[in-house]
Amino acid sequence: MEQHAAALWDYSLHIYAKPGVAASCLALQDQHGCDVNTVLLCLWLAGARCTILAVSDIEAAQHSAATANERFVQPVRSVRRWMKQWCQCTPESEINAAAYAALKTAELHGERLVQSQMLAGLDLDQLTRAESSEAAVQASFANYCTLASTSGGVAEELGELVARAWH
């Protein structure tokens, strides 16, 4: 499972670095309430394995990672965001920059842990296969939208993310 977790993390870093992907991911997270790691998992499984995450698979993955997400990533993200705003209101200093960088690094380590835990909650060999990566990601995203309490416009934003990530 560790090699799958490493592959998902490497994929996530590669995709996130593409033009427009980070902005799409943040919009999905902040404006639509999406879990970016779930979105990246859907993209990776569709692209690498042509597999679909059913609603029950998404629930299992998220349940497996819930503690790490709720007790590590979300609190660190909250403090990092506070620190970013605070740094904008205070004189620039090496201490502020170092503290912010440490929080950002901690958050990334937490995201990697969450992805690993999500994979631990899945049996990858039992996932449904699709005829194409595009069909797989569309089905997985439709299942995710069914499960998630997302705001309007999320389907369009997910479509834009696929276009930016895969093209």
Protein backbone atom coordinates (compact mmCIF):
# COMPACT_ATOMS: atom_id res chain seq x y z
CA MET A 1 0.00 0.00 0.00
CA GLU A 2 2.95 2.34 0.62
CA GLN A 3 3.88 2.33 -3.07
CA HIS A 4 0.32 3.33 -3.97
CA ALA A 5 0.41 6.10 -1.36
CA ALA A 6 3.73 7.35 -2.76
CA ALA A 7 2.35 7.21 -6.31
CA LEU A 8 -0.78 9.15 -5.29
CA TRP A 9 1.32 11.78 -3.50
CA ASP A 10 3.71 12.17 -6.45
CA TYR A 11 0.73 12.44 -8.80
CA SER A 12 -0.88 15.05 -6.56
CA LEU A 13 2.27 17.17 -6.49
CA HIS A 14 2.66 16.87 -10.28
CA ILE A 15 -0.97 17.77 -10.99
CA TYR A 16 -1.06 20.57 -8.42
CA ALA A 17 1.91 22.25 -10.09
CA LYS A 18 0.11 22.54 -13.46
CA PRO A 19 -1.22 25.98 -14.41
CA GLY A 20 -4.61 26.69 -12.88
CA VAL A 21 -4.87 23.45 -10.90
CA ALA A 22 -4.00 24.94 -7.50
CA ALA A 23 -6.55 27.72 -8.03
CA SER A 24 -9.21 25.18 -9.02
CA CYS A 25 -8.45 23.00 -6.00
CA LEU A 26 -8.64 25.97 -3.63
CA ALA A 27 -11.91 27.12 -5.21
CA LEU A 28 -13.34 23.63 -4.81
CA GLN A 29 -12.25 23.58 -1.17
CA ASP A 30 -13.08 27.12 -0.10
CA GLN A 31 -16.10 27.97 -2.26
CA HIS A 32 -17.73 24.56 -2.66
CA GLY A 33 -16.72 22.65 0.47
CA CYS A 34 -14.96 19.87 -1.45
CA ASP A 35 -12.25 17.70 0.05
CA VAL A 36 -9.27 18.20 -2.26
CA ASN A 37 -7.66 14.89 -1.30
CA THR A 38 -10.83 13.06 -2.33
CA VAL A 39 -10.84 14.96 -5.63
CA LEU A 40 -7.17 14.12 -6.23
CA LEU A 41 -7.82 10.47 -5.34
CA CYS A 42 -10.63 10.36 -7.92
CA LEU A 43 -8.34 11.89 -10.56
CA TRP A 44 -5.46 9.54 -9.77
CA LEU A 45 -7.52 6.35 -9.74
CA ALA A 46 -9.26 7.33 -12.97
CA GLY A 47 -6.04 8.30 -14.72
CA ALA A 48 -3.75 5.56 -13.45
CA ARG A 49 -6.17 2.63 -13.17
CA CYS A 50 -9.38 3.59 -15.05
CA THR A 51 -11.27 2.86 -11.84
CA ILE A 52 -14.37 4.45 -10.38
CA LEU A 53 -14.95 5.34 -6.75
CA ALA A 54 -18.50 4.41 -5.79
CA VAL A 55 -20.24 6.40 -3.06
CA SER A 56 -19.42 3.61 -0.59
CA ASP A 57 -15.74 3.71 -1.63
CA ILE A 58 -15.58 7.46 -1.08
CA GLU A 59 -17.23 7.05 2.31
CA ALA A 60 -14.75 4.31 3.26
CA ALA A 61 -11.74 6.37 2.16
CA GLN A 62 -12.92 9.48 3.97
CA HIS A 63 -13.81 7.52 7.11
CA SER A 64 -10.37 5.94 7.14
CA ALA A 65 -8.73 9.38 7.01
CA ALA A 66 -11.20 11.27 9.20
CA THR A 67 -9.11 11.39 12.36
CA ALA A 68 -5.97 12.60 10.58
CA ASN A 69 -8.00 15.15 8.66
CA GLU A 70 -9.98 16.47 11.62
CA ARG A 71 -7.25 16.42 14.27
CA PHE A 72 -4.18 17.25 12.20
CA VAL A 73 -4.78 18.82 8.79
CA GLN A 74 -7.74 21.07 9.54
CA PRO A 75 -6.29 22.57 12.75
CA VAL A 76 -2.87 23.14 11.15
CA ARG A 77 -4.54 24.69 8.08
CA SER A 78 -6.55 26.98 10.31
CA VAL A 79 -3.45 28.15 12.18
CA ARG A 80 -1.50 28.55 8.92
CA ARG A 81 -4.26 30.71 7.44
CA TRP A 82 -4.37 32.80 10.61
CA MET A 83 -0.59 33.16 10.51
CA LYS A 84 -0.73 34.31 6.88
CA GLN A 85 -3.21 37.05 7.76
CA TRP A 86 -1.30 37.98 10.91
CA CYS A 87 1.97 38.25 8.99
CA GLN A 88 0.33 40.74 6.62
CA CYS A 89 -0.50 42.98 9.59
CA THR A 90 2.85 42.83 11.37
CA PRO A 91 6.35 43.90 10.39
CA GLU A 92 8.13 41.35 8.23
CA SER A 93 10.54 39.17 10.12
CA GLU A 94 12.49 35.96 9.69
CA ILE A 95 10.62 34.48 12.64
CA ASN A 96 7.23 35.10 11.01
CA ALA A 97 8.42 33.66 7.71
CA ALA A 98 9.96 30.62 9.39
CA ALA A 99 6.83 29.96 11.45
CA TYR A 100 4.61 30.23 8.37
CA ALA A 101 6.91 27.93 6.36
CA ALA A 102 6.90 25.37 9.18
CA LEU A 103 3.10 25.40 9.30
CA LYS A 104 2.89 24.99 5.53
CA THR A 105 5.30 22.03 5.69
CA ALA A 106 3.34 20.46 8.54
CA GLU A 107 0.10 20.86 6.59
CA LEU A 108 1.63 19.15 3.55
CA HIS A 109 2.84 16.26 5.71
CA GLY A 110 -0.68 16.00 7.09
CA GLU A 111 -2.17 15.97 3.58
CA ARG A 112 0.18 13.13 2.66
CA LEU A 113 -0.89 11.23 5.78
CA VAL A 114 -4.55 11.75 4.87
CA GLN A 115 -3.97 10.39 1.36
CA SER A 116 -2.22 7.35 2.78
CA GLN A 117 -5.08 6.75 5.20
CA MET A 118 -7.64 7.15 2.41
CA LEU A 119 -5.91 4.44 0.40
CA ALA A 120 -5.76 2.20 3.47
CA GLY A 121 -9.56 2.35 3.56
CA LEU A 122 -9.89 1.00 0.01
CA ASP A 123 -9.38 -2.35 -1.66
CA LEU A 124 -8.03 -1.09 -4.98
CA ASP A 125 -8.49 -4.47 -6.66
CA GLN A 126 -12.23 -4.39 -5.93
CA LEU A 127 -12.95 -1.01 -7.50
CA THR A 128 -15.12 -0.90 -10.61
CA ARG A 129 -13.26 -0.42 -13.88
CA ALA A 130 -14.40 2.00 -16.56
CA GLU A 131 -13.87 1.98 -20.31
CA SER A 132 -11.74 5.12 -20.16
CA SER A 133 -10.10 7.46 -17.70
CA GLU A 134 -12.56 10.18 -18.69
CA ALA A 135 -15.55 7.92 -17.97
CA ALA A 136 -14.00 6.88 -14.66
CA VAL A 137 -13.38 10.43 -13.44
CA GLN A 138 -16.85 11.58 -14.52
CA ALA A 139 -18.47 8.70 -12.64
CA SER A 140 -16.30 9.20 -9.55
CA PHE A 141 -17.00 12.93 -9.48
CA ALA A 142 -20.74 12.32 -9.92
CA ASN A 143 -20.61 9.91 -6.98
CA TYR A 144 -18.64 12.41 -4.92
CA CYS A 145 -21.15 15.18 -5.68
CA THR A 146 -23.96 12.85 -4.60
CA LEU A 147 -22.24 12.28 -1.27
CA ALA A 148 -20.76 15.71 -0.57
CA SER A 149 -22.77 18.67 0.54
CA THR A 150 -21.37 20.95 -2.13
CA SER A 151 -22.65 24.27 -3.36
CA GLY A 152 -23.84 24.99 -6.89
CA GLY A 153 -21.27 25.18 -9.65
CA VAL A 154 -19.11 22.36 -8.33
CA ALA A 155 -19.64 20.18 -11.42
CA GLU A 156 -18.35 22.96 -13.66
CA GLU A 157 -15.34 23.57 -11.42
CA LEU A 158 -14.56 19.82 -11.38
CA GLY A 159 -14.77 19.79 -15.18
CA GLU A 160 -12.35 22.71 -15.38
CA LEU A 161 -10.01 20.91 -12.99
CA VAL A 162 -9.96 17.81 -15.22
CA ALA A 163 -9.22 19.97 -18.26
CA ARG A 164 -6.34 21.70 -16.47
CA ALA A 165 -4.96 18.54 -14.88
CA TRP A 166 -5.13 16.22 -17.88
CA HIS A 167 -4.46 18.51 -20.82
